[in-house]
Each structure stands twice: as structure tokens, then as C-alpha cells.
Amino acid sequence: MFEKAKKESNLNRILFELIQKSVMVTNSDDLYQMILDSAIASIPSAQKGCIMLLNPKTDILRFVAAQGYDFDVLKNTYLRLDQTYLYRESKGEIKETVVIDDPFDYDRLNLHDDNIDTILEAGSDAVYTTLSTPVMLGRHALWHDQY
């Protein structure tokens, strides 16, 4: 019981801090990074993550925030929607979090594209499990990949 209360208190603190800090944000890139940092802080043992923004007209996702990856590399690449864990594992029914164990091998076996190689080189070789979560904000879809 105490452990559950402690987790809830920690999550409430993180959310409160995010809301307070978001008032001061002047651009969306900083807000995305702040959301990602808060999400990573809220998940025990999480160390890496990224947020991708979906262009619904092209089904292309671009990286807008990263932690534990070389963002300078990621900001110059993209993923097609059909290349994402979430899309592939949900068969296009993107509604819930998907968990992928050993995403490095998953990518190598299932996805063959220069962009995937670039993403892997940016820092995903030490990832043991990934959570891929859709976040819908109005008409915009964010992907939050958590490692």
C-alpha cells in the first residue's frame, strides 16, 4: 500500500512540475522535450526515449524530442507510419501501448531501410525493451517511444 502511494505521489509531483514549467515554454520543441523528460522520469528504470510527430497527410513521423539518443542525427531522419512498432504490432489499429522486447533485433528482422539504420546508430543498441505509446492531441498524433 505504501509503495503504491509513493508511486502515485511521485507521478503527481512530476505532472505538477510539468504543468508549472509548461507555462514558461515559448516553442513546441521545448514543450515536447519537457513532456518526454517527464515521461521518462515517471517510468521506473526508463533511460531513453523519443517523441515523433505524425503528419497525417503523408503518414510520416519526424523526431521532435529525444533523450539518450543523438538528436542531431534523429532530427534529420523520419519514419513512415507503417515502419513503427505501434502500427506493425497493432495491425494499424493504433490505440494502446505496445511493448517490444529486444527492439534492436526486432528492427533488424522486420524493417529494412536506411532510416532504420540511422535511428539504430543514433543510440538504440543498448535498449532491452521499448514501450511505444500513441498520444493524440487534437488533430496531431505524437508517438512516445520509451526505453
N, C-alpha and C. Protein backbone atom coordinates (compact mmCIF):
# COMPACT_ATOMS: atom_id res chain seq x y z
N MET A 1 0.82 -1.19 0.00
CA MET A 1 0.00 0.00 0.00
C MET A 1 0.87 1.26 0.00
N PHE A 2 1.89 1.27 0.85
CA PHE A 2 2.79 2.41 0.92
C PHE A 2 3.51 2.63 -0.41
N GLU A 3 3.94 1.54 -1.04
CA GLU A 3 4.67 1.64 -2.31
C GLU A 3 3.78 2.23 -3.40
N LYS A 4 2.52 1.84 -3.43
CA LYS A 4 1.59 2.39 -4.41
C LYS A 4 1.39 3.89 -4.18
N ALA A 5 1.22 4.28 -2.95
CA ALA A 5 1.04 5.69 -2.62
C ALA A 5 2.28 6.49 -2.98
N LYS A 6 3.44 5.91 -2.76
CA LYS A 6 4.71 6.58 -3.10
C LYS A 6 4.81 6.80 -4.61
N LYS A 7 4.44 5.77 -5.40
CA LYS A 7 4.46 5.90 -6.86
C LYS A 7 3.49 6.96 -7.34
N GLU A 8 2.29 6.96 -6.78
CA GLU A 8 1.29 7.95 -7.17
C GLU A 8 1.73 9.35 -6.80
N SER A 9 2.34 9.50 -5.62
CA SER A 9 2.84 10.79 -5.19
C SER A 9 3.93 11.29 -6.12
N ASN A 10 4.83 10.40 -6.53
CA ASN A 10 5.91 10.76 -7.45
C ASN A 10 5.34 11.19 -8.80
N LEU A 11 4.37 10.44 -9.31
CA LEU A 11 3.75 10.80 -10.58
C LEU A 11 3.02 12.14 -10.48
N ASN A 12 2.32 12.37 -9.39
CA ASN A 12 1.64 13.65 -9.19
C ASN A 12 2.64 14.80 -9.16
N ARG A 13 3.78 14.60 -8.50
CA ARG A 13 4.82 15.62 -8.43
C ARG A 13 5.36 15.93 -9.83
N ILE A 14 5.62 14.87 -10.61
CA ILE A 14 6.15 15.05 -11.97
C ILE A 14 5.14 15.80 -12.84
N LEU A 15 3.89 15.43 -12.75
CA LEU A 15 2.85 16.11 -13.54
C LEU A 15 2.69 17.57 -13.12
N PHE A 16 2.72 17.82 -11.82
CA PHE A 16 2.62 19.19 -11.32
C PHE A 16 3.78 20.03 -11.84
N GLU A 17 4.99 19.50 -11.76
CA GLU A 17 6.16 20.22 -12.27
C GLU A 17 6.06 20.48 -13.77
N LEU A 18 5.57 19.49 -14.52
CA LEU A 18 5.41 19.66 -15.96
C LEU A 18 4.43 20.78 -16.27
N ILE A 19 3.32 20.80 -15.58
CA ILE A 19 2.32 21.85 -15.80
C ILE A 19 2.89 23.22 -15.45
N GLN A 20 3.60 23.31 -14.33
CA GLN A 20 4.21 24.58 -13.93
C GLN A 20 5.21 25.07 -14.97
N LYS A 21 6.10 24.19 -15.41
CA LYS A 21 7.14 24.56 -16.36
C LYS A 21 6.56 24.87 -17.74
N SER A 22 5.48 24.19 -18.13
CA SER A 22 4.93 24.36 -19.47
C SER A 22 4.40 25.77 -19.69
N VAL A 23 4.03 26.45 -18.63
CA VAL A 23 3.53 27.83 -18.74
C VAL A 23 4.63 28.75 -19.28
N MET A 24 5.88 28.42 -18.99
CA MET A 24 7.01 29.26 -19.38
C MET A 24 7.55 28.94 -20.78
N VAL A 25 7.07 27.86 -21.39
CA VAL A 25 7.60 27.41 -22.67
C VAL A 25 7.14 28.33 -23.79
N THR A 26 8.07 28.68 -24.68
CA THR A 26 7.73 29.58 -25.77
C THR A 26 7.69 28.91 -27.13
N ASN A 27 8.16 27.63 -27.22
CA ASN A 27 8.08 26.94 -28.51
C ASN A 27 7.75 25.47 -28.30
N SER A 28 7.20 24.87 -29.33
CA SER A 28 6.71 23.49 -29.21
C SER A 28 7.85 22.49 -29.01
N ASP A 29 9.03 22.73 -29.59
CA ASP A 29 10.14 21.78 -29.41
C ASP A 29 10.52 21.66 -27.94
N ASP A 30 10.56 22.78 -27.22
CA ASP A 30 10.87 22.74 -25.80
C ASP A 30 9.78 22.00 -25.02
N LEU A 31 8.53 22.21 -25.43
CA LEU A 31 7.42 21.52 -24.76
C LEU A 31 7.51 20.02 -24.98
N TYR A 32 7.79 19.59 -26.21
CA TYR A 32 7.93 18.16 -26.49
C TYR A 32 9.06 17.56 -25.65
N GLN A 33 10.17 18.27 -25.54
CA GLN A 33 11.29 17.76 -24.75
C GLN A 33 10.91 17.66 -23.27
N MET A 34 10.18 18.64 -22.79
CA MET A 34 9.74 18.64 -21.40
C MET A 34 8.78 17.47 -21.13
N ILE A 35 7.87 17.22 -22.06
CA ILE A 35 6.94 16.09 -21.92
C ILE A 35 7.72 14.78 -21.90
N LEU A 36 8.68 14.63 -22.79
CA LEU A 36 9.48 13.42 -22.84
C LEU A 36 10.28 13.23 -21.56
N ASP A 37 10.93 14.26 -21.10
CA ASP A 37 11.72 14.16 -19.87
C ASP A 37 10.84 13.74 -18.69
N SER A 38 9.63 14.29 -18.63
CA SER A 38 8.70 13.94 -17.56
C SER A 38 8.24 12.49 -17.68
N ALA A 39 7.97 12.05 -18.90
CA ALA A 39 7.54 10.66 -19.10
C ALA A 39 8.65 9.69 -18.68
N ILE A 40 9.87 9.98 -19.05
CA ILE A 40 10.99 9.10 -18.68
C ILE A 40 11.17 9.08 -17.16
N ALA A 41 11.04 10.25 -16.53
CA ALA A 41 11.17 10.32 -15.08
C ALA A 41 10.07 9.55 -14.35
N SER A 42 8.92 9.39 -14.99
CA SER A 42 7.79 8.74 -14.34
C SER A 42 7.79 7.22 -14.46
N ILE A 43 8.66 6.67 -15.30
CA ILE A 43 8.68 5.22 -15.50
C ILE A 43 9.96 4.65 -14.88
N PRO A 44 9.80 3.81 -13.87
CA PRO A 44 10.99 3.24 -13.22
C PRO A 44 11.88 2.52 -14.23
N SER A 45 13.15 2.75 -14.14
CA SER A 45 14.22 2.15 -14.96
C SER A 45 14.24 2.64 -16.41
N ALA A 46 13.38 3.58 -16.78
CA ALA A 46 13.44 4.14 -18.14
C ALA A 46 14.67 5.03 -18.25
N GLN A 47 15.35 4.93 -19.39
CA GLN A 47 16.58 5.68 -19.58
C GLN A 47 16.61 6.47 -20.88
N LYS A 48 15.86 6.04 -21.85
CA LYS A 48 15.89 6.66 -23.17
C LYS A 48 14.47 6.85 -23.67
N GLY A 49 14.35 7.72 -24.65
CA GLY A 49 13.05 7.87 -25.27
C GLY A 49 13.09 8.90 -26.37
N CYS A 50 12.02 8.95 -27.14
CA CYS A 50 11.89 9.97 -28.18
C CYS A 50 10.41 10.23 -28.40
N ILE A 51 10.15 11.39 -28.94
CA ILE A 51 8.79 11.74 -29.36
C ILE A 51 8.86 12.03 -30.85
N MET A 52 7.90 11.47 -31.57
CA MET A 52 7.78 11.71 -33.00
C MET A 52 6.42 12.34 -33.27
N LEU A 53 6.39 13.25 -34.19
CA LEU A 53 5.16 13.94 -34.57
C LEU A 53 4.72 13.43 -35.93
N LEU A 54 3.44 13.04 -36.03
CA LEU A 54 2.89 12.48 -37.26
C LEU A 54 2.30 13.58 -38.13
N ASN A 55 2.67 13.57 -39.41
CA ASN A 55 2.00 14.39 -40.41
C ASN A 55 0.90 13.50 -41.00
N PRO A 56 -0.38 13.74 -40.67
CA PRO A 56 -1.45 12.85 -41.11
C PRO A 56 -1.67 12.83 -42.62
N LYS A 57 -1.20 13.85 -43.31
CA LYS A 57 -1.37 13.89 -44.77
C LYS A 57 -0.39 12.96 -45.47
N THR A 58 0.79 12.77 -44.88
CA THR A 58 1.82 11.95 -45.53
C THR A 58 2.11 10.66 -44.78
N ASP A 59 1.57 10.50 -43.57
CA ASP A 59 1.88 9.36 -42.69
C ASP A 59 3.38 9.25 -42.41
N ILE A 60 4.03 10.41 -42.32
CA ILE A 60 5.45 10.48 -41.99
C ILE A 60 5.59 11.03 -40.58
N LEU A 61 6.45 10.36 -39.79
CA LEU A 61 6.75 10.81 -38.44
C LEU A 61 8.14 11.42 -38.42
N ARG A 62 8.26 12.57 -37.77
CA ARG A 62 9.57 13.17 -37.60
C ARG A 62 9.85 13.29 -36.11
N PHE A 63 11.11 13.21 -35.76
CA PHE A 63 11.52 13.29 -34.37
C PHE A 63 11.49 14.74 -33.90
N VAL A 64 10.85 14.97 -32.75
CA VAL A 64 10.78 16.32 -32.20
C VAL A 64 11.42 16.43 -30.82
N ALA A 65 11.75 15.29 -30.21
CA ALA A 65 12.43 15.29 -28.91
C ALA A 65 13.10 13.94 -28.71
N ALA A 66 14.21 13.95 -27.98
CA ALA A 66 14.92 12.70 -27.69
C ALA A 66 15.74 12.85 -26.42
N GLN A 67 15.85 11.77 -25.72
CA GLN A 67 16.75 11.68 -24.57
C GLN A 67 17.46 10.35 -24.66
N GLY A 68 18.79 10.36 -24.55
CA GLY A 68 19.57 9.14 -24.65
C GLY A 68 19.92 8.76 -26.08
N TYR A 69 19.56 9.61 -27.01
CA TYR A 69 19.86 9.42 -28.43
C TYR A 69 20.56 10.68 -28.93
N ASP A 70 21.22 10.56 -30.05
CA ASP A 70 21.84 11.71 -30.69
C ASP A 70 20.75 12.43 -31.50
N PHE A 71 20.18 13.47 -30.91
CA PHE A 71 19.08 14.17 -31.56
C PHE A 71 19.51 14.84 -32.85
N ASP A 72 20.78 15.25 -32.94
CA ASP A 72 21.26 15.86 -34.18
C ASP A 72 21.15 14.89 -35.36
N VAL A 73 21.30 13.59 -35.07
CA VAL A 73 21.12 12.57 -36.11
C VAL A 73 19.62 12.36 -36.37
N LEU A 74 18.85 12.20 -35.30
CA LEU A 74 17.42 11.89 -35.44
C LEU A 74 16.63 13.01 -36.11
N LYS A 75 16.95 14.25 -35.83
CA LYS A 75 16.15 15.35 -36.38
C LYS A 75 16.24 15.43 -37.90
N ASN A 76 17.20 14.74 -38.48
CA ASN A 76 17.35 14.74 -39.93
C ASN A 76 16.84 13.46 -40.59
N THR A 77 16.10 12.67 -39.84
CA THR A 77 15.54 11.46 -40.42
C THR A 77 14.05 11.39 -40.08
N TYR A 78 13.40 10.36 -40.56
CA TYR A 78 11.96 10.22 -40.38
C TYR A 78 11.61 8.74 -40.40
N LEU A 79 10.39 8.43 -40.05
CA LEU A 79 9.82 7.09 -40.19
C LEU A 79 8.49 7.20 -40.90
N ARG A 80 8.19 6.24 -41.72
CA ARG A 80 6.84 6.12 -42.25
C ARG A 80 5.99 5.47 -41.15
N LEU A 81 4.75 5.79 -41.10
CA LEU A 81 3.85 5.24 -40.08
C LEU A 81 3.91 3.71 -40.07
N ASP A 82 3.95 3.09 -41.24
CA ASP A 82 3.95 1.62 -41.31
C ASP A 82 5.26 0.99 -40.84
N GLN A 83 6.27 1.82 -40.52
CA GLN A 83 7.53 1.31 -40.01
C GLN A 83 7.56 1.27 -38.47
N THR A 84 6.57 1.82 -37.82
CA THR A 84 6.61 1.92 -36.36
C THR A 84 6.17 0.62 -35.70
N TYR A 85 6.69 0.43 -34.49
CA TYR A 85 6.29 -0.73 -33.68
C TYR A 85 4.78 -0.73 -33.51
N LEU A 86 4.28 0.42 -33.16
CA LEU A 86 2.87 0.55 -32.84
C LEU A 86 1.98 0.13 -34.01
N TYR A 87 2.29 0.61 -35.17
CA TYR A 87 1.50 0.29 -36.36
C TYR A 87 1.59 -1.20 -36.69
N ARG A 88 2.80 -1.72 -36.69
CA ARG A 88 3.01 -3.11 -37.08
C ARG A 88 2.38 -4.08 -36.09
N GLU A 89 2.58 -3.83 -34.81
CA GLU A 89 2.09 -4.76 -33.80
C GLU A 89 0.58 -4.65 -33.57
N SER A 90 0.01 -3.49 -33.87
CA SER A 90 -1.44 -3.32 -33.70
C SER A 90 -2.19 -3.53 -35.01
N LYS A 91 -1.44 -3.87 -36.07
CA LYS A 91 -2.02 -4.06 -37.41
C LYS A 91 -2.81 -2.82 -37.84
N GLY A 92 -2.24 -1.66 -37.54
CA GLY A 92 -2.83 -0.40 -37.95
C GLY A 92 -3.90 0.16 -37.03
N GLU A 93 -4.26 -0.59 -35.99
CA GLU A 93 -5.27 -0.13 -35.02
C GLU A 93 -4.57 0.56 -33.86
N ILE A 94 -4.11 1.76 -34.08
CA ILE A 94 -3.24 2.46 -33.14
C ILE A 94 -4.08 3.07 -32.02
N LYS A 95 -4.13 2.36 -30.87
CA LYS A 95 -4.95 2.83 -29.77
C LYS A 95 -4.27 2.65 -28.42
N GLU A 96 -3.42 1.63 -28.29
CA GLU A 96 -2.86 1.29 -26.98
C GLU A 96 -1.35 1.14 -27.07
N THR A 97 -0.72 1.14 -25.92
CA THR A 97 0.73 0.95 -25.82
C THR A 97 1.10 -0.45 -26.29
N VAL A 98 2.22 -0.53 -26.99
CA VAL A 98 2.78 -1.80 -27.45
C VAL A 98 4.14 -1.96 -26.79
N VAL A 99 4.42 -3.17 -26.29
CA VAL A 99 5.70 -3.48 -25.67
C VAL A 99 6.49 -4.38 -26.61
N ILE A 100 7.73 -3.99 -26.90
CA ILE A 100 8.60 -4.78 -27.76
C ILE A 100 9.84 -5.16 -26.96
N ASP A 101 10.06 -6.44 -26.75
CA ASP A 101 11.29 -6.91 -26.13
C ASP A 101 12.36 -7.02 -27.21
N ASP A 102 13.56 -6.62 -26.88
CA ASP A 102 14.71 -6.65 -27.77
C ASP A 102 14.42 -5.94 -29.10
N PRO A 103 14.16 -4.64 -29.03
CA PRO A 103 13.80 -3.89 -30.23
C PRO A 103 14.91 -3.84 -31.29
N PHE A 104 16.16 -3.97 -30.88
CA PHE A 104 17.26 -3.96 -31.85
C PHE A 104 17.10 -5.13 -32.82
N ASP A 105 16.88 -6.34 -32.30
CA ASP A 105 16.66 -7.49 -33.17
C ASP A 105 15.35 -7.36 -33.94
N TYR A 106 14.32 -6.83 -33.30
CA TYR A 106 13.04 -6.62 -33.97
C TYR A 106 13.24 -5.75 -35.21
N ASP A 107 13.94 -4.64 -35.04
CA ASP A 107 14.18 -3.75 -36.17
C ASP A 107 14.97 -4.43 -37.27
N ARG A 108 15.99 -5.13 -36.91
CA ARG A 108 16.84 -5.79 -37.91
C ARG A 108 16.07 -6.88 -38.67
N LEU A 109 15.16 -7.57 -37.99
CA LEU A 109 14.40 -8.64 -38.64
C LEU A 109 13.21 -8.13 -39.45
N ASN A 110 12.61 -7.04 -39.00
CA ASN A 110 11.35 -6.60 -39.60
C ASN A 110 11.43 -5.36 -40.48
N LEU A 111 12.43 -4.55 -40.29
CA LEU A 111 12.49 -3.28 -41.00
C LEU A 111 13.81 -3.15 -41.74
N HIS A 112 13.74 -2.92 -43.01
CA HIS A 112 14.95 -2.79 -43.82
C HIS A 112 14.89 -1.47 -44.57
N ASP A 113 15.57 -0.49 -44.02
CA ASP A 113 15.51 0.84 -44.58
C ASP A 113 16.68 1.65 -44.05
N ASP A 114 17.19 2.56 -44.83
CA ASP A 114 18.30 3.40 -44.39
C ASP A 114 17.94 4.22 -43.16
N ASN A 115 16.69 4.68 -43.06
CA ASN A 115 16.29 5.46 -41.89
C ASN A 115 16.37 4.64 -40.62
N ILE A 116 16.01 3.36 -40.69
CA ILE A 116 16.11 2.49 -39.52
C ILE A 116 17.56 2.36 -39.09
N ASP A 117 18.46 2.16 -40.05
CA ASP A 117 19.88 2.08 -39.73
C ASP A 117 20.37 3.35 -39.05
N THR A 118 19.94 4.50 -39.53
CA THR A 118 20.32 5.77 -38.93
C THR A 118 19.81 5.87 -37.50
N ILE A 119 18.57 5.47 -37.28
CA ILE A 119 17.99 5.53 -35.94
C ILE A 119 18.74 4.58 -35.00
N LEU A 120 19.04 3.39 -35.46
CA LEU A 120 19.78 2.44 -34.63
C LEU A 120 21.17 2.98 -34.28
N GLU A 121 21.81 3.61 -35.22
CA GLU A 121 23.13 4.18 -34.99
C GLU A 121 23.08 5.36 -34.02
N ALA A 122 21.92 5.99 -33.88
CA ALA A 122 21.79 7.15 -33.00
C ALA A 122 21.73 6.76 -31.53
N GLY A 123 21.65 5.45 -31.23
CA GLY A 123 21.73 5.08 -29.83
C GLY A 123 20.80 4.00 -29.33
N SER A 124 20.24 3.17 -30.17
CA SER A 124 19.29 2.17 -29.66
C SER A 124 19.91 0.80 -29.42
N ASP A 125 21.22 0.67 -29.48
CA ASP A 125 21.84 -0.65 -29.32
C ASP A 125 21.79 -1.17 -27.89
N ALA A 126 21.56 -0.32 -26.89
CA ALA A 126 21.52 -0.77 -25.51
C ALA A 126 20.09 -0.82 -24.96
N VAL A 127 19.12 -0.98 -25.83
CA VAL A 127 17.72 -0.99 -25.44
C VAL A 127 17.26 -2.44 -25.31
N TYR A 128 16.67 -2.77 -24.15
CA TYR A 128 16.22 -4.14 -23.91
C TYR A 128 14.71 -4.30 -24.14
N THR A 129 13.97 -3.26 -23.84
CA THR A 129 12.51 -3.28 -24.03
C THR A 129 12.09 -1.87 -24.40
N THR A 130 11.11 -1.77 -25.28
CA THR A 130 10.57 -0.47 -25.63
C THR A 130 9.05 -0.46 -25.45
N LEU A 131 8.55 0.68 -25.02
CA LEU A 131 7.12 0.93 -24.95
C LEU A 131 6.82 1.95 -26.03
N SER A 132 5.89 1.66 -26.88
CA SER A 132 5.50 2.61 -27.91
C SER A 132 4.06 3.00 -27.65
N THR A 133 3.85 4.29 -27.39
CA THR A 133 2.56 4.77 -26.93
C THR A 133 2.05 5.91 -27.81
N PRO A 134 0.84 5.79 -28.34
CA PRO A 134 0.28 6.91 -29.09
C PRO A 134 -0.26 7.96 -28.13
N VAL A 135 -0.07 9.21 -28.46
CA VAL A 135 -0.64 10.31 -27.69
C VAL A 135 -1.34 11.20 -28.71
N MET A 136 -2.63 11.34 -28.56
CA MET A 136 -3.40 12.13 -29.51
C MET A 136 -3.68 13.50 -28.89
N LEU A 137 -3.27 14.55 -29.60
CA LEU A 137 -3.50 15.93 -29.15
C LEU A 137 -4.28 16.63 -30.25
N GLY A 138 -5.57 16.69 -30.10
CA GLY A 138 -6.39 17.30 -31.15
C GLY A 138 -6.23 16.51 -32.43
N ARG A 139 -5.79 17.18 -33.48
CA ARG A 139 -5.59 16.51 -34.76
C ARG A 139 -4.17 15.97 -34.91
N HIS A 140 -3.32 16.24 -33.92
CA HIS A 140 -1.94 15.83 -34.03
C HIS A 140 -1.70 14.55 -33.24
N ALA A 141 -0.88 13.69 -33.79
CA ALA A 141 -0.52 12.45 -33.08
C ALA A 141 0.96 12.50 -32.75
N LEU A 142 1.24 12.25 -31.50
CA LEU A 142 2.62 12.10 -31.05
C LEU A 142 2.85 10.64 -30.77
N TRP A 143 4.04 10.19 -31.04
CA TRP A 143 4.45 8.87 -30.63
C TRP A 143 5.45 9.05 -29.54
N HIS A 144 5.31 8.31 -28.48
CA HIS A 144 6.29 8.36 -27.42
C HIS A 144 6.89 6.97 -27.31
N ASP A 145 8.14 6.84 -27.71
CA ASP A 145 8.86 5.58 -27.55
C ASP A 145 9.72 5.68 -26.32
N GLN A 146 9.52 4.78 -25.41
CA GLN A 146 10.19 4.78 -24.13
C GLN A 146 11.04 3.54 -23.98
N TYR A 147 12.26 3.69 -23.55
CA TYR A 147 13.16 2.55 -23.42
C TYR A 147 13.68 2.42 -22.02
